[in-house]
């Protein structure tokens, strides 16, 4: 009777990989974006275009790193945590910067920041039970925020304000709804983890 060969042991995914490097590059671009945004008092057209370009490039890495991680099997726990943190750092810097320049109400920044900080704390609250990956709703929320922020960053005429605010309002709705979803998922994961610990 032939013995069944042992199942191959999967090769662990290295933390330092292309997807995670792209995520870290997004963090590196944040201070460069902030400097460009506040250069010349934040009113110079050239610097505002430069800030918008840096923000757009950094945002693009969010789409690319996720695709690379899934396509080439480079998903790691580090990436699951670092990716949303990098998103929050970039978007948070943009929102705070626009509010400091008086171009975006502080209430918008506070609502979004409270949600993002709360979700980050939830991730660490349940981290010993598992990692909560970004959901499709969370990705849609991030995309909506990015589009709205880009319109606020661009030196557009006042006639574009209604479009800006409609998109920002849509982003705010997604921000709150997906925040509540993360609360539900975190509570469920923690409860499942505790039951598993008791059953051992």
Protein backbone atom coordinates (compact mmCIF):
# COMPACT_ATOMS: atom_id res chain seq x y z
CA UNK A 1 0.00 0.00 0.00
CA UNK A 2 1.53 3.25 -1.10
CA UNK A 3 1.87 5.99 1.45
CA UNK A 4 0.22 9.28 0.65
CA UNK A 5 2.93 11.90 0.16
CA UNK A 6 2.77 14.74 2.67
CA UNK A 7 1.02 17.89 1.52
CA UNK A 8 3.45 20.58 0.42
CA UNK A 9 4.04 23.28 2.97
CA UNK A 10 3.02 26.67 1.53
CA UNK A 11 5.85 29.14 1.18
CA UNK A 12 5.32 32.05 3.57
CA UNK A 13 4.77 35.41 1.91
CA UNK A 14 7.61 37.82 2.80
CA UNK A 15 6.51 41.03 4.49
CA UNK A 16 8.86 43.05 2.29
CA UNK A 17 7.23 42.62 -1.11
CA UNK A 18 6.17 44.85 -4.00
CA UNK A 19 2.63 45.37 -2.70
CA UNK A 20 3.79 46.45 0.75
CA UNK A 21 6.51 48.69 -0.73
CA UNK A 22 3.80 50.48 -2.72
CA UNK A 23 1.79 50.89 0.47
CA UNK A 24 4.79 52.37 2.28
CA UNK A 25 5.47 54.70 -0.66
CA UNK A 26 2.00 56.15 -0.10
CA UNK A 27 3.02 57.07 3.42
CA UNK A 28 6.24 58.66 2.14
CA UNK A 29 4.28 60.83 -0.31
CA UNK A 30 2.07 62.29 2.45
CA UNK A 31 4.58 64.90 3.74
CA UNK A 32 5.50 65.89 0.16
CA UNK A 33 1.82 66.43 -0.58
CA UNK A 34 1.35 68.55 2.56
CA UNK A 35 4.33 70.75 1.69
CA UNK A 36 2.98 71.33 -1.82
CA UNK A 37 -0.52 72.08 -0.50
CA UNK A 38 0.67 74.80 1.87
CA UNK A 39 3.36 76.25 -0.40
CA UNK A 40 2.78 79.93 -1.22
CA UNK A 41 -0.11 80.07 1.24
CA UNK A 42 -2.08 77.40 -0.56
CA UNK A 43 -3.34 79.78 -3.23
CA UNK A 44 -0.73 79.42 -5.95
CA UNK A 45 -2.18 77.58 -8.95
CA UNK A 46 1.05 75.76 -9.79
CA UNK A 47 1.54 74.46 -6.28
CA UNK A 48 -2.10 73.42 -6.01
CA UNK A 49 -1.77 71.42 -9.22
CA UNK A 50 1.41 69.85 -7.85
CA UNK A 51 -0.36 68.96 -4.59
CA UNK A 52 -3.26 67.47 -6.54
CA UNK A 53 -0.87 65.42 -8.67
CA UNK A 54 0.95 64.08 -5.59
CA UNK A 55 -2.36 63.22 -3.96
CA UNK A 56 -3.57 61.46 -7.12
CA UNK A 57 -0.33 59.47 -7.48
CA UNK A 58 -0.42 58.42 -3.84
CA UNK A 59 -4.08 57.43 -4.21
CA UNK A 60 -3.26 55.40 -7.31
CA UNK A 61 -0.83 53.27 -5.30
CA UNK A 62 -3.81 52.21 -3.19
CA UNK A 63 -5.45 50.67 -6.23
CA UNK A 64 -2.21 49.16 -7.55
CA UNK A 65 -0.93 47.60 -4.32
CA UNK A 66 -4.20 45.79 -3.73
CA UNK A 67 -4.25 44.42 -7.27
CA UNK A 68 -0.60 43.32 -7.06
CA UNK A 69 -1.18 41.62 -3.71
CA UNK A 70 -4.17 39.66 -5.00
CA UNK A 71 -2.72 38.89 -8.44
CA UNK A 72 0.60 37.54 -7.18
CA UNK A 73 -0.45 36.12 -3.83
CA UNK A 74 1.38 38.75 -1.79
CA UNK A 75 -1.33 39.32 0.80
CA UNK A 76 0.14 39.64 4.32
CA UNK A 77 -1.24 40.61 7.72
CA UNK A 78 1.13 43.59 7.63
CA UNK A 79 -0.40 44.73 4.35
CA UNK A 80 -3.94 44.30 5.67
CA UNK A 81 -3.10 46.68 8.52
CA UNK A 82 -0.68 49.07 6.78
CA UNK A 83 -2.85 49.62 3.68
CA UNK A 84 -5.83 51.22 5.47
CA UNK A 85 -3.49 53.18 7.76
CA UNK A 86 -1.71 54.63 4.71
CA UNK A 87 -5.12 55.53 3.22
CA UNK A 88 -6.16 57.27 6.42
CA UNK A 89 -2.87 59.19 6.66
CA UNK A 90 -3.20 60.49 3.09
CA UNK A 91 -6.89 61.38 3.25
CA UNK A 92 -6.56 62.77 6.78
CA UNK A 93 -3.70 65.04 5.70
CA UNK A 94 -5.76 66.32 2.76
CA UNK A 95 -8.87 66.98 4.84
CA UNK A 96 -7.01 68.72 7.66
CA UNK A 97 -5.02 70.76 5.14
CA UNK A 98 -8.14 71.91 3.30
CA UNK A 99 -9.82 72.79 6.59
CA UNK A 100 -6.79 74.79 7.76
CA UNK A 101 -6.92 76.68 4.47
CA UNK A 102 -10.59 77.45 5.11
CA UNK A 103 -11.79 75.56 2.02
CA UNK A 104 -13.55 72.68 3.77
CA UNK A 105 -15.68 72.81 6.89
CA UNK A 106 -14.06 71.35 9.98
CA UNK A 107 -17.22 69.33 10.67
CA UNK A 108 -16.57 67.29 7.51
CA UNK A 109 -13.00 66.59 8.56
CA UNK A 110 -14.07 65.68 12.10
CA UNK A 111 -16.78 63.24 10.95
CA UNK A 112 -14.44 61.44 8.56
CA UNK A 113 -11.49 61.50 10.99
CA UNK A 114 -13.62 60.13 13.84
CA UNK A 115 -14.76 57.25 11.65
CA UNK A 116 -11.24 56.44 10.41
CA UNK A 117 -9.68 56.60 13.88
CA UNK A 118 -12.52 54.51 15.28
CA UNK A 119 -12.08 51.81 12.62
CA UNK A 120 -8.32 51.73 13.21
CA UNK A 121 -8.87 51.26 16.96
CA UNK A 122 -11.39 48.51 16.21
CA UNK A 123 -8.78 46.70 14.11
CA UNK A 124 -6.31 46.71 17.00
CA UNK A 125 -9.08 45.80 19.47
CA UNK A 126 -9.69 42.51 17.67
CA UNK A 127 -6.22 41.91 16.21
CA UNK A 128 -5.50 38.91 18.44
CA UNK A 129 -8.65 37.26 17.11
CA UNK A 130 -7.97 38.07 13.47
CA UNK A 131 -7.52 40.87 10.95
CA UNK A 132 -10.48 42.74 9.49
CA UNK A 133 -9.61 43.31 5.82
CA UNK A 134 -10.91 46.29 3.88
CA UNK A 135 -14.40 45.58 2.57
CA UNK A 136 -15.80 46.51 -0.84
CA UNK A 137 -17.83 49.19 0.86
CA UNK A 138 -14.69 50.52 2.52
CA UNK A 139 -12.91 50.64 -0.83
CA UNK A 140 -15.89 52.44 -2.40
CA UNK A 141 -15.85 54.92 0.48
CA UNK A 142 -12.15 55.58 -0.04
CA UNK A 143 -12.63 56.09 -3.77
CA UNK A 144 -15.52 58.52 -3.17
CA UNK A 145 -13.41 60.47 -0.68
CA UNK A 146 -10.49 60.62 -3.11
CA UNK A 147 -12.63 61.95 -5.98
CA UNK A 148 -14.26 64.57 -3.75
CA UNK A 149 -10.91 65.67 -2.30
CA UNK A 150 -9.34 65.97 -5.75
CA UNK A 151 -12.11 68.38 -6.76
CA UNK A 152 -11.47 70.45 -3.62
CA UNK A 153 -7.72 70.44 -4.26
CA UNK A 154 -7.99 71.57 -7.87
CA UNK A 155 -8.05 75.37 -8.41
CA UNK A 156 -11.54 75.31 -9.93
CA UNK A 157 -13.94 78.26 -10.25
CA UNK A 158 -16.74 78.80 -7.70
CA UNK A 159 -19.23 77.31 -10.15
CA UNK A 160 -17.82 73.86 -9.38
CA UNK A 161 -18.81 74.10 -5.69
CA UNK A 162 -22.18 72.29 -6.05
CA UNK A 163 -20.50 69.32 -7.70
CA UNK A 164 -17.80 69.28 -5.03
CA UNK A 165 -20.32 69.22 -2.21
CA UNK A 166 -22.58 66.61 -3.79
CA UNK A 167 -19.61 64.25 -4.12
CA UNK A 168 -18.38 65.05 -0.62
CA UNK A 169 -21.87 64.41 0.75
CA UNK A 170 -21.94 61.03 -0.99
CA UNK A 171 -18.52 60.23 0.50
CA UNK A 172 -19.78 61.20 3.97
CA UNK A 173 -22.76 58.85 3.68
CA UNK A 174 -20.49 55.95 2.68
CA UNK A 175 -18.10 56.89 5.48
CA UNK A 176 -20.78 56.59 8.17
CA UNK A 177 -22.46 53.46 6.74
CA UNK A 178 -19.21 51.52 6.30
CA UNK A 179 -18.09 52.64 9.76
CA UNK A 180 -21.16 51.01 11.29
CA UNK A 181 -20.44 47.89 9.22
CA UNK A 182 -16.91 47.68 10.67
CA UNK A 183 -18.32 47.93 14.19
CA UNK A 184 -20.60 44.97 13.48
CA UNK A 185 -17.78 42.93 11.92
CA UNK A 186 -15.39 43.70 14.78
CA UNK A 187 -17.89 42.68 17.46
CA UNK A 188 -18.71 39.48 15.55
CA UNK A 189 -15.01 38.60 15.07
CA UNK A 190 -14.22 39.21 18.73
CA UNK A 191 -17.17 37.09 19.87
CA UNK A 192 -16.14 34.28 17.51
CA UNK A 193 -12.55 34.47 18.73
CA UNK A 194 -13.60 34.27 22.37
CA UNK A 195 -15.81 31.24 21.72
CA UNK A 196 -12.92 29.53 19.96
CA UNK A 197 -10.61 30.24 22.90
CA UNK A 198 -13.10 28.79 25.39
CA UNK A 199 -13.55 25.66 23.26
CA UNK A 200 -9.85 24.79 23.24
